[in-house]
Amino acid sequence: MQNKLLVILLSVALTGCVTSRIEDARETVTGISEGESVVIMAKSYHSGNETESDYITCVEKTLGGGSKGIRVVPNQQFVDALFPWFEPRTAPADTKGLPKLMERPGVAAAVKDMGVRYIVWLDGDTERVAEGGSLSCAAGPGGGGCFGFAWWQNDADYEASIWDLDGFESAGTVSADVSGTSFLPALVVPIPLIARTQTKACKGMAQQLRAFIVQ
């Protein structure tokens, strides 16, 4: 009974250990009309690594979901329709290359057919930055169990650059910085208390993007 009570107290004390900061920096006036849409693209974070596909999918679903959702063109559909101009090696590095890109055969027509008004370039990742504690498990004739306490901290750091195809210009940026500490106390049975940093960063990013674009 005492062990059960301790586990409950630990659960109450240690859940929800997440801090977040969502910010935006506006460069132009934005807005979106009926029939216009947004596409979410991955920007290379560093050599050999792109923003996680599951994070992009999460932002797409959250941005497009609910009664106030914005129409979102799936990333792969957009890339396929404009092949090869938005492949990693050929995608424009900044808005200066957009007018020339739109002059290429079929590009402007494909963008118009999909109604894409904004391209959102996501940059960042989620990584473990610290960990500690110890946990040991053993089994014997009379049974077994795990004892100890472990923790780890993940940081989810993402930035979105919003390009407005209506004027071939940068509309601004939105950033999400979320830090969370997860715990694994074990009194015979381990009880993971997970800080969902990437999920929190996804929801915060999508909500701020929606507010930024719709204004």
N, C-alpha and C. Protein backbone atom coordinates (compact mmCIF):
# COMPACT_ATOMS: atom_id res chain seq x y z
N MET A 1 0.83 -1.21 0.00
CA MET A 1 0.00 0.00 0.00
C MET A 1 0.86 1.25 0.00
N GLN A 2 1.93 1.23 0.80
CA GLN A 2 2.82 2.39 0.87
C GLN A 2 3.51 2.64 -0.46
N ASN A 3 3.94 1.53 -1.12
CA ASN A 3 4.58 1.66 -2.43
C ASN A 3 3.62 2.24 -3.46
N LYS A 4 2.37 1.79 -3.44
CA LYS A 4 1.37 2.31 -4.39
C LYS A 4 1.14 3.79 -4.18
N LEU A 5 1.07 4.21 -2.91
CA LEU A 5 0.86 5.61 -2.61
C LEU A 5 2.02 6.46 -3.10
N LEU A 6 3.26 5.95 -2.94
CA LEU A 6 4.44 6.67 -3.39
C LEU A 6 4.44 6.84 -4.90
N VAL A 7 4.04 5.80 -5.61
CA VAL A 7 3.97 5.87 -7.07
C VAL A 7 2.96 6.91 -7.52
N ILE A 8 1.79 6.96 -6.85
CA ILE A 8 0.76 7.94 -7.19
C ILE A 8 1.28 9.35 -6.95
N LEU A 9 1.95 9.57 -5.84
CA LEU A 9 2.49 10.89 -5.52
C LEU A 9 3.54 11.31 -6.54
N LEU A 10 4.38 10.36 -6.94
CA LEU A 10 5.39 10.66 -7.95
C LEU A 10 4.73 11.04 -9.28
N SER A 11 3.67 10.32 -9.64
CA SER A 11 2.98 10.59 -10.90
C SER A 11 2.39 11.98 -10.91
N VAL A 12 1.77 12.36 -9.81
CA VAL A 12 1.16 13.69 -9.72
C VAL A 12 2.21 14.77 -9.77
N ALA A 13 3.34 14.53 -9.08
CA ALA A 13 4.38 15.55 -8.96
C ALA A 13 5.18 15.74 -10.25
N LEU A 14 5.30 14.68 -11.05
CA LEU A 14 6.26 14.73 -12.14
C LEU A 14 5.65 14.82 -13.53
N THR A 15 4.36 14.76 -13.67
CA THR A 15 3.76 14.90 -15.00
C THR A 15 3.73 16.36 -15.43
N GLY A 16 3.69 16.56 -16.74
CA GLY A 16 3.53 17.90 -17.28
C GLY A 16 4.73 18.80 -17.12
N CYS A 17 5.92 18.20 -17.05
CA CYS A 17 7.13 19.02 -16.89
C CYS A 17 7.63 19.47 -18.26
N VAL A 18 6.90 20.43 -18.85
CA VAL A 18 7.24 20.92 -20.19
C VAL A 18 7.17 22.44 -20.19
N THR A 19 8.17 23.07 -20.78
CA THR A 19 8.14 24.53 -20.96
C THR A 19 8.21 24.84 -22.45
N SER A 20 7.51 25.87 -22.88
CA SER A 20 7.48 26.18 -24.31
C SER A 20 7.51 27.68 -24.54
N ARG A 21 8.06 28.04 -25.70
CA ARG A 21 8.07 29.43 -26.14
C ARG A 21 7.77 29.47 -27.63
N ILE A 22 6.67 30.11 -28.00
CA ILE A 22 6.24 30.23 -29.39
C ILE A 22 6.29 31.71 -29.76
N GLU A 23 7.00 32.04 -30.83
CA GLU A 23 7.16 33.43 -31.23
C GLU A 23 7.00 33.57 -32.73
N ASP A 24 6.70 34.79 -33.18
CA ASP A 24 6.68 35.04 -34.62
C ASP A 24 7.27 36.41 -34.90
N ALA A 25 7.75 36.57 -36.12
CA ALA A 25 8.31 37.84 -36.59
C ALA A 25 7.71 38.11 -37.97
N ARG A 26 6.91 39.15 -38.07
CA ARG A 26 6.19 39.43 -39.30
C ARG A 26 6.95 40.43 -40.18
N GLU A 27 6.95 40.17 -41.50
CA GLU A 27 7.57 41.07 -42.46
C GLU A 27 6.55 41.74 -43.37
N THR A 28 5.43 41.06 -43.64
CA THR A 28 4.40 41.61 -44.53
C THR A 28 3.02 41.30 -43.97
N VAL A 29 2.02 41.94 -44.54
CA VAL A 29 0.63 41.66 -44.20
C VAL A 29 0.23 40.35 -44.87
N THR A 30 -0.46 39.48 -44.14
CA THR A 30 -0.88 38.18 -44.70
C THR A 30 -2.39 38.07 -44.69
N GLY A 31 -2.87 36.98 -45.24
CA GLY A 31 -4.30 36.69 -45.32
C GLY A 31 -4.47 35.52 -46.26
N ILE A 32 -5.59 34.87 -46.19
CA ILE A 32 -5.83 33.73 -47.08
C ILE A 32 -7.30 33.70 -47.48
N SER A 33 -7.55 33.48 -48.75
CA SER A 33 -8.92 33.49 -49.27
C SER A 33 -9.42 32.07 -49.49
N GLU A 34 -10.71 31.95 -49.69
CA GLU A 34 -11.31 30.65 -49.96
C GLU A 34 -10.70 30.06 -51.23
N GLY A 35 -10.32 28.81 -51.17
CA GLY A 35 -9.70 28.15 -52.31
C GLY A 35 -8.19 28.20 -52.28
N GLU A 36 -7.61 29.06 -51.45
CA GLU A 36 -6.15 29.13 -51.33
C GLU A 36 -5.67 28.13 -50.28
N SER A 37 -4.43 27.71 -50.43
CA SER A 37 -3.93 26.67 -49.55
C SER A 37 -2.48 26.92 -49.15
N VAL A 38 -2.01 26.06 -48.26
CA VAL A 38 -0.65 26.12 -47.71
C VAL A 38 0.01 24.78 -47.94
N VAL A 39 1.31 24.77 -48.18
CA VAL A 39 2.07 23.53 -48.25
C VAL A 39 3.23 23.61 -47.27
N ILE A 40 3.47 22.51 -46.56
CA ILE A 40 4.54 22.44 -45.57
C ILE A 40 5.72 21.69 -46.17
N MET A 41 6.88 22.31 -46.17
CA MET A 41 8.08 21.71 -46.75
C MET A 41 9.17 21.54 -45.70
N ALA A 42 10.02 20.55 -45.90
CA ALA A 42 11.14 20.32 -44.99
C ALA A 42 12.37 21.04 -45.50
N LYS A 43 12.99 21.78 -44.63
CA LYS A 43 14.25 22.43 -44.95
C LYS A 43 15.37 21.67 -44.25
N SER A 44 16.46 21.44 -44.95
CA SER A 44 17.55 20.68 -44.35
C SER A 44 18.06 21.40 -43.11
N TYR A 45 18.12 20.66 -42.01
CA TYR A 45 18.59 21.24 -40.74
C TYR A 45 20.10 21.30 -40.69
N HIS A 46 20.72 20.21 -41.06
CA HIS A 46 22.17 20.20 -41.27
C HIS A 46 22.47 19.08 -42.23
N SER A 47 23.69 19.02 -42.70
CA SER A 47 24.06 18.08 -43.75
C SER A 47 23.66 16.64 -43.40
N GLY A 48 22.89 16.03 -44.28
CA GLY A 48 22.51 14.64 -44.09
C GLY A 48 21.27 14.44 -43.24
N ASN A 49 20.61 15.52 -42.80
CA ASN A 49 19.45 15.36 -41.95
C ASN A 49 18.38 16.39 -42.31
N GLU A 50 17.15 15.94 -42.50
CA GLU A 50 16.06 16.85 -42.76
C GLU A 50 15.09 16.84 -41.59
N THR A 51 14.31 17.90 -41.50
CA THR A 51 13.28 17.96 -40.46
C THR A 51 12.45 16.68 -40.50
N GLU A 52 12.17 16.11 -39.33
CA GLU A 52 11.52 14.80 -39.24
C GLU A 52 10.18 14.79 -39.98
N SER A 53 9.95 13.73 -40.75
CA SER A 53 8.72 13.63 -41.53
C SER A 53 7.50 13.54 -40.64
N ASP A 54 7.62 12.91 -39.45
CA ASP A 54 6.46 12.80 -38.57
C ASP A 54 6.07 14.16 -38.00
N TYR A 55 7.06 15.06 -37.83
CA TYR A 55 6.74 16.41 -37.35
C TYR A 55 6.00 17.19 -38.44
N ILE A 56 6.46 17.07 -39.67
CA ILE A 56 5.79 17.74 -40.79
C ILE A 56 4.35 17.24 -40.92
N THR A 57 4.15 15.93 -40.83
CA THR A 57 2.81 15.36 -40.91
C THR A 57 1.92 15.88 -39.79
N CYS A 58 2.49 15.98 -38.60
CA CYS A 58 1.73 16.49 -37.44
C CYS A 58 1.30 17.94 -37.68
N VAL A 59 2.20 18.78 -38.17
CA VAL A 59 1.87 20.18 -38.43
C VAL A 59 0.80 20.27 -39.52
N GLU A 60 0.94 19.45 -40.57
CA GLU A 60 -0.06 19.44 -41.65
C GLU A 60 -1.45 19.14 -41.09
N LYS A 61 -1.57 18.07 -40.30
CA LYS A 61 -2.87 17.64 -39.78
C LYS A 61 -3.44 18.66 -38.80
N THR A 62 -2.58 19.22 -37.95
CA THR A 62 -3.07 20.18 -36.96
C THR A 62 -3.48 21.49 -37.61
N LEU A 63 -2.69 21.95 -38.58
CA LEU A 63 -3.00 23.20 -39.27
C LEU A 63 -4.29 23.08 -40.07
N GLY A 64 -4.53 21.91 -40.64
CA GLY A 64 -5.71 21.72 -41.47
C GLY A 64 -6.92 21.21 -40.73
N GLY A 65 -6.76 20.85 -39.45
CA GLY A 65 -7.86 20.26 -38.70
C GLY A 65 -8.74 21.28 -37.99
N GLY A 66 -9.88 20.82 -37.54
CA GLY A 66 -10.78 21.66 -36.77
C GLY A 66 -11.63 22.58 -37.63
N SER A 67 -12.53 23.29 -36.99
CA SER A 67 -13.45 24.18 -37.70
C SER A 67 -12.74 25.39 -38.31
N LYS A 68 -11.57 25.74 -37.77
CA LYS A 68 -10.83 26.89 -38.28
C LYS A 68 -9.60 26.47 -39.08
N GLY A 69 -9.60 25.22 -39.53
CA GLY A 69 -8.45 24.69 -40.25
C GLY A 69 -8.23 25.38 -41.59
N ILE A 70 -6.98 25.45 -41.99
CA ILE A 70 -6.58 26.00 -43.28
C ILE A 70 -6.37 24.84 -44.26
N ARG A 71 -6.74 25.03 -45.50
CA ARG A 71 -6.54 23.99 -46.52
C ARG A 71 -5.05 23.76 -46.71
N VAL A 72 -4.62 22.51 -46.55
CA VAL A 72 -3.21 22.14 -46.65
C VAL A 72 -3.02 21.12 -47.76
N VAL A 73 -2.13 21.43 -48.69
CA VAL A 73 -1.78 20.48 -49.75
C VAL A 73 -0.70 19.54 -49.20
N PRO A 74 -0.91 18.23 -49.25
CA PRO A 74 0.09 17.31 -48.74
C PRO A 74 1.46 17.54 -49.38
N ASN A 75 2.47 17.45 -48.55
CA ASN A 75 3.84 17.72 -48.99
C ASN A 75 4.23 16.91 -50.21
N GLN A 76 4.00 15.59 -50.18
CA GLN A 76 4.43 14.74 -51.28
C GLN A 76 3.67 15.04 -52.56
N GLN A 77 2.40 15.39 -52.45
CA GLN A 77 1.61 15.74 -53.63
C GLN A 77 2.19 16.97 -54.32
N PHE A 78 2.58 17.95 -53.52
CA PHE A 78 3.15 19.19 -54.06
C PHE A 78 4.49 18.91 -54.73
N VAL A 79 5.35 18.15 -54.06
CA VAL A 79 6.68 17.83 -54.61
C VAL A 79 6.55 17.05 -55.91
N ASP A 80 5.65 16.07 -55.95
CA ASP A 80 5.46 15.26 -57.16
C ASP A 80 4.93 16.10 -58.32
N ALA A 81 3.99 17.01 -58.02
CA ALA A 81 3.38 17.83 -59.07
C ALA A 81 4.38 18.80 -59.68
N LEU A 82 5.40 19.17 -58.90
CA LEU A 82 6.38 20.16 -59.37
C LEU A 82 7.76 19.54 -59.59
N PHE A 83 7.81 18.22 -59.71
CA PHE A 83 9.08 17.55 -59.94
C PHE A 83 9.77 18.11 -61.20
N PRO A 84 11.09 18.42 -61.13
CA PRO A 84 12.00 18.20 -59.99
C PRO A 84 12.32 19.48 -59.21
N TRP A 85 11.47 20.51 -59.31
CA TRP A 85 11.86 21.84 -58.83
C TRP A 85 11.83 22.01 -57.33
N PHE A 86 11.22 21.07 -56.61
CA PHE A 86 11.24 21.18 -55.14
C PHE A 86 11.89 19.96 -54.50
N GLU A 87 12.73 19.27 -55.27
CA GLU A 87 13.59 18.25 -54.69
C GLU A 87 14.68 18.95 -53.87
N PRO A 88 15.28 18.26 -52.87
CA PRO A 88 16.27 18.90 -51.99
C PRO A 88 17.38 19.64 -52.73
N ARG A 89 17.84 19.11 -53.87
CA ARG A 89 18.98 19.73 -54.56
C ARG A 89 18.58 20.88 -55.47
N THR A 90 17.30 20.98 -55.79
CA THR A 90 16.88 22.00 -56.77
C THR A 90 15.92 23.04 -56.19
N ALA A 91 15.44 22.84 -54.98
CA ALA A 91 14.49 23.77 -54.38
C ALA A 91 15.12 25.15 -54.20
N PRO A 92 14.36 26.21 -54.42
CA PRO A 92 14.91 27.56 -54.26
C PRO A 92 15.36 27.80 -52.82
N ALA A 93 16.50 28.47 -52.69
CA ALA A 93 17.06 28.72 -51.35
C ALA A 93 16.38 29.90 -50.66
N ASP A 94 15.82 30.81 -51.44
CA ASP A 94 15.13 31.97 -50.88
C ASP A 94 14.10 32.48 -51.88
N THR A 95 13.38 33.52 -51.50
CA THR A 95 12.29 34.02 -52.34
C THR A 95 12.78 34.69 -53.63
N LYS A 96 14.07 35.05 -53.69
CA LYS A 96 14.60 35.70 -54.88
C LYS A 96 14.50 34.81 -56.11
N GLY A 97 14.53 33.48 -55.87
CA GLY A 97 14.48 32.56 -57.00
C GLY A 97 13.07 32.20 -57.44
N LEU A 98 12.04 32.68 -56.72
CA LEU A 98 10.67 32.29 -57.05
C LEU A 98 10.17 32.82 -58.40
N PRO A 99 10.39 34.10 -58.74
CA PRO A 99 9.90 34.58 -60.05
C PRO A 99 10.45 33.77 -61.22
N LYS A 100 11.72 33.45 -61.18
CA LYS A 100 12.33 32.68 -62.26
C LYS A 100 11.78 31.26 -62.29
N LEU A 101 11.55 30.69 -61.10
CA LEU A 101 11.00 29.34 -61.02
C LEU A 101 9.60 29.30 -61.62
N MET A 102 8.81 30.33 -61.36
CA MET A 102 7.44 30.35 -61.86
C MET A 102 7.38 30.48 -63.38
N GLU A 103 8.46 30.92 -63.99
CA GLU A 103 8.51 31.05 -65.44
C GLU A 103 8.78 29.72 -66.14
N ARG A 104 9.18 28.72 -65.39
CA ARG A 104 9.48 27.41 -65.99
C ARG A 104 8.18 26.74 -66.43
N PRO A 105 8.22 25.98 -67.53
CA PRO A 105 7.01 25.37 -68.08
C PRO A 105 6.26 24.52 -67.06
N GLY A 106 4.99 24.79 -66.91
CA GLY A 106 4.12 23.98 -66.05
C GLY A 106 4.12 24.34 -64.58
N VAL A 107 5.09 25.12 -64.11
CA VAL A 107 5.19 25.40 -62.67
C VAL A 107 4.04 26.28 -62.19
N ALA A 108 3.85 27.41 -62.83
CA ALA A 108 2.78 28.33 -62.42
C ALA A 108 1.41 27.67 -62.50
N ALA A 109 1.19 26.87 -63.55
CA ALA A 109 -0.09 26.19 -63.73
C ALA A 109 -0.35 25.18 -62.61
N ALA A 110 0.71 24.43 -62.22
CA ALA A 110 0.56 23.43 -61.15
C ALA A 110 0.26 24.10 -59.82
N VAL A 111 0.96 25.21 -59.54
CA VAL A 111 0.72 25.94 -58.30
C VAL A 111 -0.70 26.48 -58.27
N LYS A 112 -1.17 27.02 -59.40
CA LYS A 112 -2.53 27.56 -59.47
C LYS A 112 -3.57 26.47 -59.29
N ASP A 113 -3.35 25.30 -59.92
CA ASP A 113 -4.31 24.20 -59.81
C ASP A 113 -4.49 23.75 -58.36
N MET A 114 -3.40 23.78 -57.60
CA MET A 114 -3.47 23.36 -56.19
C MET A 114 -3.86 24.51 -55.27
N GLY A 115 -3.91 25.71 -55.81
CA GLY A 115 -4.29 26.86 -55.00
C GLY A 115 -3.29 27.25 -53.94
N VAL A 116 -2.03 26.91 -54.13
CA VAL A 116 -1.02 27.18 -53.09
C VAL A 116 -0.71 28.66 -53.03
N ARG A 117 -0.95 29.26 -51.87
CA ARG A 117 -0.65 30.67 -51.64
C ARG A 117 0.64 30.82 -50.81
N TYR A 118 0.82 29.91 -49.84
CA TYR A 118 1.99 30.01 -48.96
C TYR A 118 2.78 28.70 -48.95
N ILE A 119 4.10 28.83 -49.01
CA ILE A 119 5.00 27.71 -48.76
C ILE A 119 5.62 27.95 -47.39
N VAL A 120 5.49 26.96 -46.51
CA VAL A 120 6.06 27.05 -45.16
C VAL A 120 7.23 26.08 -45.07
N TRP A 121 8.43 26.63 -44.89
CA TRP A 121 9.63 25.81 -44.78
C TRP A 121 9.93 25.55 -43.31
N LEU A 122 9.87 24.28 -42.91
CA LEU A 122 10.15 23.91 -41.52
C LEU A 122 11.60 23.48 -41.36
N ASP A 123 12.22 23.99 -40.32
CA ASP A 123 13.62 23.71 -40.04
C ASP A 123 13.76 23.37 -38.56
N GLY A 124 14.44 22.30 -38.22
CA GLY A 124 14.66 22.00 -36.81
C GLY A 124 14.61 20.51 -36.52
N ASP A 125 14.70 20.18 -35.25
CA ASP A 125 14.60 18.79 -34.82
C ASP A 125 14.35 18.70 -33.33
N THR A 126 14.12 17.46 -32.88
CA THR A 126 13.98 17.16 -31.46
C THR A 126 15.13 16.26 -31.06
N GLU A 127 15.85 16.65 -30.02
CA GLU A 127 16.98 15.85 -29.59
C GLU A 127 17.08 15.77 -28.08
N ARG A 128 17.72 14.68 -27.61
CA ARG A 128 17.95 14.51 -26.17
C ARG A 128 19.19 15.30 -25.79
N VAL A 129 19.06 16.15 -24.80
CA VAL A 129 20.17 17.03 -24.43
C VAL A 129 20.77 16.67 -23.07
N ALA A 130 20.07 15.88 -22.26
CA ALA A 130 20.61 15.50 -20.96
C ALA A 130 19.86 14.28 -20.45
N GLU A 131 20.51 13.52 -19.57
CA GLU A 131 19.88 12.36 -18.96
C GLU A 131 20.64 11.98 -17.70
N GLY A 132 19.99 11.22 -16.81
CA GLY A 132 20.65 10.83 -15.58
C GLY A 132 19.84 9.80 -14.82
N GLY A 133 20.32 9.45 -13.62
CA GLY A 133 19.67 8.46 -12.80
C GLY A 133 20.12 7.05 -13.14
N SER A 134 19.54 6.09 -12.48
CA SER A 134 19.88 4.69 -12.74
C SER A 134 18.67 3.82 -12.48
N LEU A 135 18.60 2.72 -13.22
CA LEU A 135 17.48 1.79 -13.12
C LEU A 135 18.02 0.38 -13.30
N SER A 136 17.63 -0.53 -12.42
CA SER A 136 18.09 -1.91 -12.52
C SER A 136 16.90 -2.85 -12.39
N CYS A 137 16.94 -3.91 -13.16
CA CYS A 137 15.87 -4.91 -13.14
C CYS A 137 16.48 -6.28 -12.91
N ALA A 138 15.79 -7.09 -12.15
CA ALA A 138 16.29 -8.43 -11.84
C ALA A 138 15.13 -9.39 -11.72
N ALA A 139 15.41 -10.66 -11.99
CA ALA A 139 14.41 -11.71 -11.87
C ALA A 139 14.98 -12.85 -11.04
N GLY A 140 14.15 -13.47 -10.25
CA GLY A 140 14.60 -14.57 -9.41
C GLY A 140 13.49 -15.57 -9.18
N PRO A 141 13.74 -16.62 -8.39
CA PRO A 141 12.73 -17.66 -8.13
C PRO A 141 11.45 -17.10 -7.52
N GLY A 142 11.59 -16.06 -6.72
CA GLY A 142 10.42 -15.49 -6.07
C GLY A 142 9.77 -14.37 -6.86
N GLY A 143 10.24 -14.14 -8.06
CA GLY A 143 9.70 -13.05 -8.86
C GLY A 143 10.79 -12.06 -9.21
N GLY A 144 10.43 -10.95 -9.72
CA GLY A 144 11.41 -9.93 -10.12
C GLY A 144 10.79 -8.56 -10.13
N GLY A 145 11.59 -7.61 -10.54
CA GLY A 145 11.10 -6.25 -10.60
C GLY A 145 12.20 -5.28 -10.95
N CYS A 146 11.84 -4.04 -11.09
CA CYS A 146 12.79 -2.98 -11.40
C CYS A 146 12.76 -1.94 -10.29
N PHE A 147 13.94 -1.41 -10.00
CA PHE A 147 14.06 -0.42 -8.95
C PHE A 147 15.01 0.69 -9.40
N GLY A 148 14.66 1.90 -9.03
CA GLY A 148 15.52 3.02 -9.36
C GLY A 148 14.73 4.19 -9.92
N PHE A 149 15.47 5.12 -10.49
CA PHE A 149 14.84 6.33 -11.02
C PHE A 149 15.73 6.88 -12.14
N ALA A 150 15.13 7.10 -13.30
CA ALA A 150 15.88 7.66 -14.44
C ALA A 150 15.12 8.85 -15.00
N TRP A 151 15.85 9.75 -15.65
CA TRP A 151 15.22 10.92 -16.26
C TRP A 151 15.99 11.31 -17.51
N TRP A 152 15.33 12.02 -18.42
CA TRP A 152 16.00 12.56 -19.60
C TRP A 152 15.27 13.81 -20.07
N GLN A 153 16.01 14.68 -20.71
CA GLN A 153 15.45 15.94 -21.19
C GLN A 153 15.57 16.03 -22.70
N ASN A 154 14.45 16.32 -23.37
CA ASN A 154 14.43 16.52 -24.81
C ASN A 154 14.11 17.98 -25.12
N ASP A 155 14.78 18.50 -26.13
CA ASP A 155 14.50 19.85 -26.61
C ASP A 155 13.98 19.77 -28.04
N ALA A 156 12.83 20.37 -28.29
CA ALA A 156 12.26 20.45 -29.63
C ALA A 156 12.37 21.91 -30.08
N ASP A 157 13.19 22.13 -31.09
CA ASP A 157 13.47 23.49 -31.55
C ASP A 157 13.20 23.58 -33.06
N TYR A 158 12.16 24.32 -33.45
CA TYR A 158 11.76 24.40 -34.85
C TYR A 158 11.51 25.85 -35.26
N GLU A 159 11.76 26.13 -36.54
CA GLU A 159 11.46 27.44 -37.09
C GLU A 159 10.78 27.27 -38.44
N ALA A 160 9.75 28.06 -38.68
CA ALA A 160 9.03 28.03 -39.95
C ALA A 160 9.22 29.36 -40.68
N SER A 161 9.68 29.28 -41.93
CA SER A 161 9.78 30.47 -42.78
C SER A 161 8.62 30.45 -43.76
N ILE A 162 7.82 31.52 -43.76
CA ILE A 162 6.61 31.57 -44.58
C ILE A 162 6.86 32.40 -45.84
N TRP A 163 6.70 31.76 -47.01
CA TRP A 163 6.84 32.47 -48.29
C TRP A 163 5.46 32.70 -48.88
N ASP A 164 5.21 33.94 -49.29
CA ASP A 164 3.93 34.30 -49.92
C ASP A 164 4.12 34.29 -51.44
N LEU A 165 3.48 33.35 -52.11
CA LEU A 165 3.62 33.23 -53.56
C LEU A 165 2.84 34.30 -54.30
N ASP A 166 1.98 35.02 -53.59
CA ASP A 166 1.22 36.09 -54.23
C ASP A 166 2.13 37.26 -54.62
N GLY A 167 3.14 37.51 -53.79
CA GLY A 167 4.06 38.61 -54.07
C GLY A 167 5.51 38.16 -54.17
N PHE A 168 5.72 36.84 -54.14
CA PHE A 168 7.08 36.27 -54.19
C PHE A 168 7.97 36.90 -53.12
N GLU A 169 7.47 36.91 -51.89
CA GLU A 169 8.22 37.53 -50.81
C GLU A 169 8.09 36.73 -49.52
N SER A 170 9.00 37.00 -48.60
CA SER A 170 8.95 36.36 -47.29
C SER A 170 7.96 37.10 -46.42
N ALA A 171 7.00 36.35 -45.84
CA ALA A 171 6.00 36.97 -44.97
C ALA A 171 6.48 37.06 -43.53
N GLY A 172 7.45 36.22 -43.16
CA GLY A 172 7.96 36.23 -41.80
C GLY A 172 8.31 34.84 -41.31
N THR A 173 8.50 34.72 -40.01
CA THR A 173 8.88 33.43 -39.42
C THR A 173 8.07 33.17 -38.15
N VAL A 174 7.94 31.88 -37.85
CA VAL A 174 7.33 31.44 -36.59
C VAL A 174 8.29 30.41 -35.98
N SER A 175 8.56 30.53 -34.70
CA SER A 175 9.47 29.60 -34.04
C SER A 175 8.81 28.95 -32.83
N ALA A 176 9.18 27.70 -32.59
CA ALA A 176 8.68 26.94 -31.44
C ALA A 176 9.86 26.32 -30.73
N ASP A 177 10.03 26.63 -29.46
CA ASP A 177 11.12 26.08 -28.65
C ASP A 177 10.50 25.44 -27.41
N VAL A 178 10.52 24.11 -27.37
CA VAL A 178 9.88 23.38 -26.29
C VAL A 178 10.89 22.46 -25.62
N SER A 179 10.94 22.52 -24.30
CA SER A 179 11.84 21.68 -23.53
C SER A 179 11.02 20.86 -22.54
N GLY A 180 11.31 19.57 -22.47
CA GLY A 180 10.55 18.72 -21.56
C GLY A 180 11.41 17.66 -20.91
N THR A 181 11.13 17.37 -19.66
CA THR A 181 11.86 16.34 -18.92
C THR A 181 10.95 15.17 -18.63
N SER A 182 11.39 13.98 -19.03
CA SER A 182 10.63 12.75 -18.79
C SER A 182 11.25 12.00 -17.61
N PHE A 183 10.41 11.22 -16.90
CA PHE A 183 10.87 10.50 -15.72
C PHE A 183 10.47 9.04 -15.81
N LEU A 184 11.27 8.18 -15.23
CA LEU A 184 10.95 6.76 -15.18
C LEU A 184 11.24 6.24 -13.77
N PRO A 185 10.28 6.43 -12.84
CA PRO A 185 10.44 5.86 -11.50
C PRO A 185 10.05 4.38 -11.54
N ALA A 186 10.72 3.56 -10.74
CA ALA A 186 10.42 2.13 -10.73
C ALA A 186 10.47 1.60 -9.30
N LEU A 187 9.31 1.16 -8.82
CA LEU A 187 9.21 0.43 -7.57
C LEU A 187 8.54 -0.89 -7.92
N VAL A 188 9.32 -1.82 -8.38
CA VAL A 188 8.93 -3.12 -8.92
C VAL A 188 8.49 -2.97 -10.38
N VAL A 189 7.51 -2.10 -10.64
CA VAL A 189 7.03 -1.89 -12.01
C VAL A 189 7.38 -0.48 -12.47
N PRO A 190 8.14 -0.32 -13.59
CA PRO A 190 8.46 1.02 -14.09
C PRO A 190 7.21 1.76 -14.56
N ILE A 191 7.13 3.05 -14.24
CA ILE A 191 6.01 3.87 -14.67
C ILE A 191 6.56 5.07 -15.45
N PRO A 192 6.54 5.01 -16.79
CA PRO A 192 7.08 6.13 -17.58
C PRO A 192 6.19 7.35 -17.53
N LEU A 193 6.78 8.50 -17.27
CA LEU A 193 6.08 9.78 -17.26
C LEU A 193 6.73 10.63 -18.35
N ILE A 194 6.15 10.58 -19.53
CA ILE A 194 6.80 11.11 -20.73
C ILE A 194 6.35 12.55 -21.01
N ALA A 195 7.33 13.41 -21.24
CA ALA A 195 7.06 14.78 -21.67
C ALA A 195 7.01 14.79 -23.20
N ARG A 196 5.87 15.08 -23.77
CA ARG A 196 5.67 15.03 -25.22
C ARG A 196 6.13 16.34 -25.86
N THR A 197 7.43 16.53 -25.92
CA THR A 197 7.96 17.81 -26.39
C THR A 197 7.67 18.05 -27.87
N GLN A 198 7.86 17.03 -28.70
CA GLN A 198 7.64 17.23 -30.14
C GLN A 198 6.17 17.49 -30.44
N THR A 199 5.27 16.77 -29.75
CA THR A 199 3.84 16.99 -29.94
C THR A 199 3.45 18.40 -29.52
N LYS A 200 3.99 18.85 -28.40
CA LYS A 200 3.72 20.21 -27.92
C LYS A 200 4.24 21.25 -28.92
N ALA A 201 5.44 21.00 -29.46
CA ALA A 201 6.01 21.92 -30.45
C ALA A 201 5.19 21.93 -31.72
N CYS A 202 4.66 20.78 -32.12
CA CYS A 202 3.82 20.69 -33.32
C CYS A 202 2.54 21.51 -33.15
N LYS A 203 1.85 21.30 -32.05
CA LYS A 203 0.58 21.99 -31.82
C LYS A 203 0.79 23.50 -31.69
N GLY A 204 1.84 23.88 -30.95
CA GLY A 204 2.12 25.30 -30.81
C GLY A 204 2.48 25.96 -32.12
N MET A 205 3.30 25.26 -32.92
CA MET A 205 3.69 25.78 -34.24
C MET A 205 2.48 25.93 -35.15
N ALA A 206 1.64 24.90 -35.23
CA ALA A 206 0.48 24.93 -36.12
C ALA A 206 -0.50 26.03 -35.72
N GLN A 207 -0.76 26.18 -34.43
CA GLN A 207 -1.68 27.21 -33.97
C GLN A 207 -1.17 28.61 -34.28
N GLN A 208 0.14 28.81 -34.09
CA GLN A 208 0.71 30.12 -34.37
C GLN A 208 0.77 30.40 -35.87
N LEU A 209 1.05 29.38 -36.67
CA LEU A 209 1.04 29.53 -38.12
C LEU A 209 -0.35 29.95 -38.61
N ARG A 210 -1.36 29.29 -38.06
CA ARG A 210 -2.74 29.62 -38.46
C ARG A 210 -3.08 31.06 -38.12
N ALA A 211 -2.72 31.49 -36.93
CA ALA A 211 -2.98 32.85 -36.51
C ALA A 211 -2.17 33.85 -37.36
N PHE A 212 -0.93 33.47 -37.69
CA PHE A 212 -0.05 34.33 -38.48
C PHE A 212 -0.60 34.53 -39.89
N ILE A 213 -1.02 33.43 -40.52
CA ILE A 213 -1.50 33.50 -41.91
C ILE A 213 -2.87 34.15 -42.02
N VAL A 214 -3.79 33.74 -41.18
CA VAL A 214 -5.15 34.26 -41.24
C VAL A 214 -5.19 35.72 -40.78
N GLN A 215 -4.38 36.00 -39.75
CA GLN A 215 -4.27 37.34 -39.16
C GLN A 215 -5.61 37.83 -38.66
